[in-house]
PDB file of N, CA and C in Angstrom:
ATOM      1  N   MET A   1      12.203 -22.540  -6.767  1.00  0.00           N
ATOM      2  CA  MET A   1      10.999 -21.674  -6.514  1.00  0.00           C
ATOM      3  C   MET A   1       9.625 -22.846  -5.845  1.00  0.00           C
ATOM      4  N   LYS A   2       9.394 -23.906  -6.396  1.00  0.00           N
ATOM      5  CA  LYS A   2       8.322 -24.532  -5.999  1.00  0.00           C
ATOM      6  C   LYS A   2       8.318 -25.267  -4.531  1.00  0.00           C
ATOM      7  N   VAL A   3       9.694 -25.515  -4.552  1.00  0.00           N
ATOM      8  CA  VAL A   3       9.793 -25.907  -3.163  1.00  0.00           C
ATOM      9  C   VAL A   3       9.019 -24.722  -2.516  1.00  0.00           C
ATOM     10  N   TRP A   4       9.808 -23.844  -2.571  1.00  0.00           N
ATOM     11  CA  TRP A   4       9.324 -22.694  -1.856  1.00  0.00           C
ATOM     12  C   TRP A   4       7.688 -22.278  -1.921  1.00  0.00           C
ATOM     13  N   TRP A   5       7.183 -22.896  -2.964  1.00  0.00           N
ATOM     14  CA  TRP A   5       5.672 -22.336  -2.929  1.00  0.00           C
ATOM     15  C   TRP A   5       5.317 -23.477  -1.908  1.00  0.00           C
ATOM     16  N   GLY A   6       5.919 -24.734  -1.756  1.00  0.00           N
ATOM     17  CA  GLY A   6       5.437 -26.387  -1.289  1.00  0.00           C
ATOM     18  C   GLY A   6       5.482 -25.556   0.269  1.00  0.00           C
ATOM     19  N   ILE A   7       6.570 -25.320   0.446  1.00  0.00           N
ATOM     20  CA  ILE A   7       6.663 -24.711   1.886  1.00  0.00           C
ATOM     21  C   ILE A   7       5.831 -23.864   2.562  1.00  0.00           C
ATOM     22  N   ASN A   8       5.412 -22.904   1.486  1.00  0.00           N
ATOM     23  CA  ASN A   8       4.213 -21.460   2.145  1.00  0.00           C
ATOM     24  C   ASN A   8       2.710 -22.363   2.274  1.00  0.00           C
ATOM     25  N   ILE A   9       2.714 -23.507   1.169  1.00  0.00           N
ATOM     26  CA  ILE A   9       0.944 -24.264   1.325  1.00  0.00           C
ATOM     27  C   ILE A   9       1.160 -25.005   2.828  1.00  0.00           C
ATOM     28  N   ALA A  10       2.490 -25.641   3.083  1.00  0.00           N
ATOM     29  CA  ALA A  10       2.240 -26.130   4.267  1.00  0.00           C
ATOM     30  C   ALA A  10       1.969 -25.004   5.582  1.00  0.00           C
ATOM     31  N   TRP A  11       2.372 -23.943   5.545  1.00  0.00           N
ATOM     32  CA  TRP A  11       2.543 -22.925   6.583  1.00  0.00           C
ATOM     33  C   TRP A  11       1.624 -22.494   6.432  1.00  0.00           C
ATOM     34  N   LEU A  12       0.388 -22.475   5.775  1.00  0.00           N
ATOM     35  CA  LEU A  12      -1.034 -21.782   5.347  1.00  0.00           C
ATOM     36  C   LEU A  12      -1.876 -23.345   5.674  1.00  0.00           C
ATOM     37  N   VAL A  13      -1.827 -24.335   5.663  1.00  0.00           N
ATOM     38  CA  VAL A  13      -2.216 -25.346   6.368  1.00  0.00           C
ATOM     39  C   VAL A  13      -2.170 -25.548   7.492  1.00  0.00           C
ATOM     40  N   LEU A  14      -0.899 -25.303   7.833  1.00  0.00           N
ATOM     41  CA  LEU A  14      -0.781 -25.279   9.910  1.00  0.00           C
ATOM     42  C   LEU A  14      -1.748 -24.267  10.237  1.00  0.00           C
ATOM     43  N   PHE A  15      -1.379 -23.366   9.940  1.00  0.00           N
ATOM     44  CA  PHE A  15      -2.241 -21.961  10.295  1.00  0.00           C
ATOM     45  C   PHE A  15      -3.890 -22.013  10.590  1.00  0.00           C
ATOM     46  N   VAL A  16      -4.176 -22.558   9.021  1.00  0.00           N
ATOM     47  CA  VAL A  16      -5.835 -23.079   9.109  1.00  0.00           C
ATOM     48  C   VAL A  16      -5.827 -24.018  10.401  1.00  0.00           C
ATOM     49  N   ALA A  17      -5.314 -24.864  10.384  1.00  0.00           N
ATOM     50  CA  ALA A  17      -5.519 -25.881  11.284  1.00  0.00           C
ATOM     51  C   ALA A  17      -5.323 -25.947  12.751  1.00  0.00           C
ATOM     52  N   SER A  18      -4.534 -24.875  13.105  1.00  0.00           N
ATOM     53  CA  SER A  18      -4.403 -24.300  14.222  1.00  0.00           C
ATOM     54  C   SER A  18      -5.479 -23.452  14.989  1.00  0.00           C
ATOM     55  N   ALA A  19      -6.132 -22.563  13.330  1.00  0.00           N
ATOM     56  CA  ALA A  19      -7.123 -21.698  14.159  1.00  0.00           C
ATOM     57  C   ALA A  19      -8.306 -22.323  14.349  1.00  0.00           C
ATOM     58  N   ILE A  20      -8.539 -23.730  13.603  1.00  0.00           N
ATOM     59  CA  ILE A  20      -9.377 -24.346  13.594  1.00  0.00           C
ATOM     60  C   ILE A  20      -9.471 -25.258  15.267  1.00  0.00           C
ATOM     61  N   TYR A  21      -8.215 -25.453  15.763  1.00  0.00           N
ATOM     62  CA  TYR A  21      -8.282 -26.152  16.727  1.00  0.00           C
ATOM     63  C   TYR A  21      -8.586 -24.919  17.533  1.00  0.00           C
ATOM     64  N   LEU A  22      -8.145 -23.898  17.840  1.00  0.00           N
ATOM     65  CA  LEU A  22      -8.203 -22.822  19.330  1.00  0.00           C
ATOM     66  C   LEU A  22     -10.180 -22.565  18.671  1.00  0.00           C
ATOM     67  N   LEU A  23     -10.802 -22.026  17.905  1.00  0.00           N
ATOM     68  CA  LEU A  23     -12.020 -21.826  17.681  1.00  0.00           C
ATOM     69  C   LEU A  23     -12.704 -23.223  18.601  1.00  0.00           C
ATOM     70  N   ASN A  24     -12.076 -23.987  18.681  1.00  0.00           N
ATOM     71  CA  ASN A  24     -13.270 -25.280  19.007  1.00  0.00           C
ATOM     72  C   ASN A  24     -13.044 -25.915  20.194  1.00  0.00           C
ATOM     73  N   ARG A  25     -11.591 -25.366  20.835  1.00  0.00           N
ATOM     74  CA  ARG A  25     -11.290 -26.228  21.919  1.00  0.00           C
ATOM     75  C   ARG A  25     -12.300 -25.479  23.247  1.00  0.00           C
ATOM     76  N   ARG A  26     -12.176 -26.352  24.326  1.00  0.00           N
ATOM     77  CA  ARG A  26     -13.492 -25.535  25.205  1.00  0.00           C
ATOM     78  C   ARG A  26     -12.748 -25.656  26.641  1.00  0.00           C
ATOM     79  N   ILE A  27     -11.574 -26.074  26.814  1.00  0.00           N
ATOM     80  CA  ILE A  27     -10.353 -25.988  28.014  1.00  0.00           C
ATOM     81  C   ILE A  27      -9.027 -25.700  27.304  1.00  0.00           C
ATOM     82  N   ASP A  28      -8.264 -24.993  27.527  1.00  0.00           N
ATOM     83  CA  ASP A  28      -6.910 -24.974  27.134  1.00  0.00           C
ATOM     84  C   ASP A  28      -6.087 -25.663  28.487  1.00  0.00           C
ATOM     85  N   GLY A  29      -4.926 -25.741  27.672  1.00  0.00           N
ATOM     86  CA  GLY A  29      -3.774 -26.585  28.311  1.00  0.00           C
ATOM     87  C   GLY A  29      -3.728 -26.412  30.446  1.00  0.00           C
ATOM     88  N   ALA A  30      -4.013 -25.106  30.663  1.00  0.00           N
ATOM     89  CA  ALA A  30      -3.723 -24.732  32.119  1.00  0.00           C
ATOM     90  C   ALA A  30      -5.522 -25.056  32.724  1.00  0.00           C
ATOM     91  N   GLY A  31      -6.457 -25.143  31.774  1.00  0.00           N
ATOM     92  CA  GLY A  31      -7.363 -25.859  32.890  1.00  0.00           C
ATOM     93  C   GLY A  31      -8.754 -24.926  32.575  1.00  0.00           C
ATOM     94  N   VAL A  32      -8.483 -23.505  31.778  1.00  0.00           N
ATOM     95  CA  VAL A  32      -9.166 -22.511  31.683  1.00  0.00           C
ATOM     96  C   VAL A  32     -10.122 -22.773  30.703  1.00  0.00           C
ATOM     97  N   ILE A  33     -11.121 -22.390  31.229  1.00  0.00           N
ATOM     98  CA  ILE A  33     -12.402 -22.240  30.318  1.00  0.00           C
ATOM     99  C   ILE A  33     -12.353 -21.008  28.884  1.00  0.00           C
ATOM    100  N   GLN A  34     -12.365 -21.604  28.115  1.00  0.00           N
ATOM    101  CA  GLN A  34     -12.482 -20.944  26.688  1.00  0.00           C
ATOM    102  C   GLN A  34     -13.589 -19.603  27.272  1.00  0.00           C
ATOM    103  N   ASN A  35     -13.470 -18.432  26.674  1.00  0.00           N
ATOM    104  CA  ASN A  35     -14.902 -17.664  26.675  1.00  0.00           C
ATOM    105  C   ASN A  35     -14.046 -17.050  25.207  1.00  0.00           C
ATOM    106  N   PRO A  36     -15.331 -16.298  24.481  1.00  0.00           N
ATOM    107  CA  PRO A  36     -15.028 -15.756  23.182  1.00  0.00           C
ATOM    108  C   PRO A  36     -13.303 -14.498  23.607  1.00  0.00           C
ATOM    109  N   THR A  37     -13.186 -13.980  24.559  1.00  0.00           N
ATOM    110  CA  THR A  37     -12.424 -13.149  24.789  1.00  0.00           C
ATOM    111  C   THR A  37     -11.110 -13.929  24.555  1.00  0.00           C
ATOM    112  N   ILE A  38     -11.317 -14.817  25.289  1.00  0.00           N
ATOM    113  CA  ILE A  38      -9.998 -15.682  25.155  1.00  0.00           C
ATOM    114  C   ILE A  38      -9.385 -16.049  24.140  1.00  0.00           C
ATOM    115  N   ARG A  39     -10.836 -16.233  23.160  1.00  0.00           N
ATOM    116  CA  ARG A  39     -10.568 -16.858  22.087  1.00  0.00           C
ATOM    117  C   ARG A  39      -9.579 -16.198  21.135  1.00  0.00           C
ATOM    118  N   MET A  40     -10.563 -14.957  21.053  1.00  0.00           N
ATOM    119  CA  MET A  40      -9.741 -13.747  19.978  1.00  0.00           C
ATOM    120  C   MET A  40      -8.333 -13.551  20.786  1.00  0.00           C
ATOM    121  N   VAL A  41      -7.730 -13.812  21.691  1.00  0.00           N
ATOM    122  CA  VAL A  41      -6.690 -13.353  21.983  1.00  0.00           C
ATOM    123  C   VAL A  41      -5.787 -14.225  21.629  1.00  0.00           C
ATOM    124  N   SER A  42      -6.377 -15.515  21.653  1.00  0.00           N
ATOM    125  CA  SER A  42      -5.210 -16.563  21.204  1.00  0.00           C
ATOM    126  C   SER A  42      -5.383 -16.323  19.302  1.00  0.00           C
ATOM    127  N   LEU A  43      -5.966 -15.840  19.060  1.00  0.00           N
ATOM    128  CA  LEU A  43      -6.421 -15.781  17.551  1.00  0.00           C
ATOM    129  C   LEU A  43      -5.399 -14.518  17.092  1.00  0.00           C
ATOM    130  N   ALA A  44      -5.613 -13.581  18.176  1.00  0.00           N
ATOM    131  CA  ALA A  44      -4.530 -12.442  17.400  1.00  0.00           C
ATOM    132  C   ALA A  44      -3.287 -12.862  18.420  1.00  0.00           C
ATOM    133  N   VAL A  45      -2.787 -14.184  19.249  1.00  0.00           N
ATOM    134  CA  VAL A  45      -0.992 -14.613  19.292  1.00  0.00           C
ATOM    135  C   VAL A  45      -0.725 -14.875  17.802  1.00  0.00           C
ATOM    136  N   LEU A  46      -1.908 -16.143  17.179  1.00  0.00           N
ATOM    137  CA  LEU A  46      -1.595 -16.701  16.257  1.00  0.00           C
ATOM    138  C   LEU A  46      -1.686 -16.000  15.349  1.00  0.00           C
ATOM    139  N   GLY A  47      -2.335 -14.989  14.922  1.00  0.00           N
ATOM    140  CA  GLY A  47      -2.145 -14.087  13.564  1.00  0.00           C
ATOM    141  C   GLY A  47      -1.102 -13.295  13.698  1.00  0.00           C
ATOM    142  N   GLY A  48      -0.175 -12.661  14.751  1.00  0.00           N
ATOM    143  CA  GLY A  48       1.054 -12.214  14.742  1.00  0.00           C
ATOM    144  C   GLY A  48       1.915 -13.013  14.657  1.00  0.00           C
ATOM    145  N   CYS A  49       2.123 -14.227  15.059  1.00  0.00           N
ATOM    146  CA  CYS A  49       3.041 -15.491  14.317  1.00  0.00           C
ATOM    147  C   CYS A  49       3.055 -15.571  12.595  1.00  0.00           C
ATOM    148  N   PHE A  50       1.009 -15.284  12.706  1.00  0.00           N
ATOM    149  CA  PHE A  50       1.292 -15.384  10.909  1.00  0.00           C
ATOM    150  C   PHE A  50       1.977 -14.455  10.088  1.00  0.00           C
ATOM    151  N   ILE A  51       1.926 -12.867  10.580  1.00  0.00           N
ATOM    152  CA  ILE A  51       2.729 -11.994   9.926  1.00  0.00           C
ATOM    153  C   ILE A  51       4.226 -11.923  10.487  1.00  0.00           C
ATOM    154  N   PHE A  52       4.259 -12.552  11.026  1.00  0.00           N
ATOM    155  CA  PHE A  52       6.121 -12.708  11.358  1.00  0.00           C
ATOM    156  C   PHE A  52       6.241 -13.529  10.181  1.00  0.00           C
ATOM    157  N   VAL A  53       5.900 -14.495  10.237  1.00  0.00           N
ATOM    158  CA  VAL A  53       5.909 -15.999   9.108  1.00  0.00           C
ATOM    159  C   VAL A  53       6.134 -15.318   7.942  1.00  0.00           C
ATOM    160  N   CYS A  54       5.020 -14.600   7.273  1.00  0.00           N
ATOM    161  CA  CYS A  54       4.736 -13.833   5.793  1.00  0.00           C
ATOM    162  C   CYS A  54       5.731 -13.280   5.737  1.00  0.00           C
ATOM    163  N   LEU A  55       6.096 -12.244   6.355  1.00  0.00           N
ATOM    164  CA  LEU A  55       7.182 -11.430   6.496  1.00  0.00           C
ATOM    165  C   LEU A  55       8.665 -11.753   6.242  1.00  0.00           C
ATOM    166  N   CYS A  56       9.001 -13.318   6.928  1.00  0.00           N
ATOM    167  CA  CYS A  56      10.053 -13.668   6.646  1.00  0.00           C
ATOM    168  C   CYS A  56      10.013 -14.649   5.147  1.00  0.00           C
ATOM    169  N   GLN A  57       8.978 -15.008   4.904  1.00  0.00           N
ATOM    170  CA  GLN A  57       8.702 -15.366   3.714  1.00  0.00           C
ATOM    171  C   GLN A  57       9.265 -14.415   2.439  1.00  0.00           C
ATOM    172  N   LEU A  58       8.471 -13.420   2.756  1.00  0.00           N
ATOM    173  CA  LEU A  58       8.541 -12.159   1.687  1.00  0.00           C
ATOM    174  C   LEU A  58      10.389 -11.967   1.573  1.00  0.00           C
ATOM    175  N   LEU A  59      10.812 -11.692   2.622  1.00  0.00           N
ATOM    176  CA  LEU A  59      11.893 -11.228   2.821  1.00  0.00           C
ATOM    177  C   LEU A  59      12.761 -12.543   2.074  1.00  0.00           C
ATOM    178  N   VAL A  60      12.641 -13.903   2.108  1.00  0.00           N
ATOM    179  CA  VAL A  60      12.969 -15.017   1.025  1.00  0.00           C
ATOM    180  C   VAL A  60      12.844 -14.922   0.039  1.00  0.00           C
ATOM    181  N   LEU A  61      11.639 -14.549  -0.298  1.00  0.00           N
ATOM    182  CA  LEU A  61      10.927 -14.490  -1.860  1.00  0.00           C
ATOM    183  C   LEU A  61      12.030 -13.326  -2.650  1.00  0.00           C
ATOM    184  N   PHE A  62      12.267 -12.260  -1.643  1.00  0.00           N
ATOM    185  CA  PHE A  62      12.550 -11.259  -2.584  1.00  0.00           C
ATOM    186  C   PHE A  62      14.167 -11.630  -2.771  1.00  0.00           C
ATOM    187  N   PHE A  63      15.113 -12.668  -1.858  1.00  0.00           N
ATOM    188  CA  PHE A  63      16.301 -12.841  -2.191  1.00  0.00           C
ATOM    189  C   PHE A  63      16.326 -13.642  -3.287  1.00  0.00           C
ATOM    190  N   ILE A  64      15.355 -14.515  -3.194  1.00  0.00           N
ATOM    191  CA  ILE A  64      15.312 -16.168  -4.450  1.00  0.00           C
ATOM    192  C   ILE A  64      15.178 -14.739  -5.814  1.00  0.00           C
ATOM    193  N   LYS A  65      14.030 -13.927  -5.987  1.00  0.00           N
ATOM    194  CA  LYS A  65      13.718 -13.349  -7.215  1.00  0.00           C
ATOM    195  C   LYS A  65      15.531 -12.552  -7.561  1.00  0.00           C
ATOM    196  N   ARG A  66      15.961 -11.793  -6.833  1.00  0.00           N
ATOM    197  CA  ARG A  66      16.928 -10.749  -6.746  1.00  0.00           C
ATOM    198  C   ARG A  66      18.289 -11.872  -7.353  1.00  0.00           C
ATOM    199  N   LYS A  67      18.481 -13.488  -7.067  1.00  0.00           N
ATOM    200  CA  LYS A  67      19.791 -14.412  -7.078  1.00  0.00           C
ATOM    201  C   LYS A  67      19.074 -14.774  -8.442  1.00  0.00           C
ATOM    202  N   SER A  68      17.780 -15.343  -9.349  1.00  0.00           N
ATOM    203  CA  SER A  68      17.634 -15.581 -10.299  1.00  0.00           C
ATOM    204  C   SER A  68      18.117 -14.511 -11.562  1.00  0.00           C
ATOM    205  N   LYS A  69      17.882 -13.063 -11.065  1.00  0.00           N
ATOM    206  CA  LYS A  69      18.520 -12.145 -12.053  1.00  0.00           C
ATOM    207  C   LYS A  69      19.423 -12.314 -12.524  1.00  0.00           C
TER     208      LYS A  69
END
């Protein structure tokens, strides 16, 4: 269970660092200048990935708790 919490903290740090990076960059990899609309779309995509990972983690937690009983 400790490993599971450690992995969750690592995921959280990764997503926070990604969000900070997305908000601070001026030009993306394709050379497009970032405006607030594009930044919000990028954060929405990152948020969708975050929700997917959270659901997978909750599923894993369910099986860990079920197995420990």
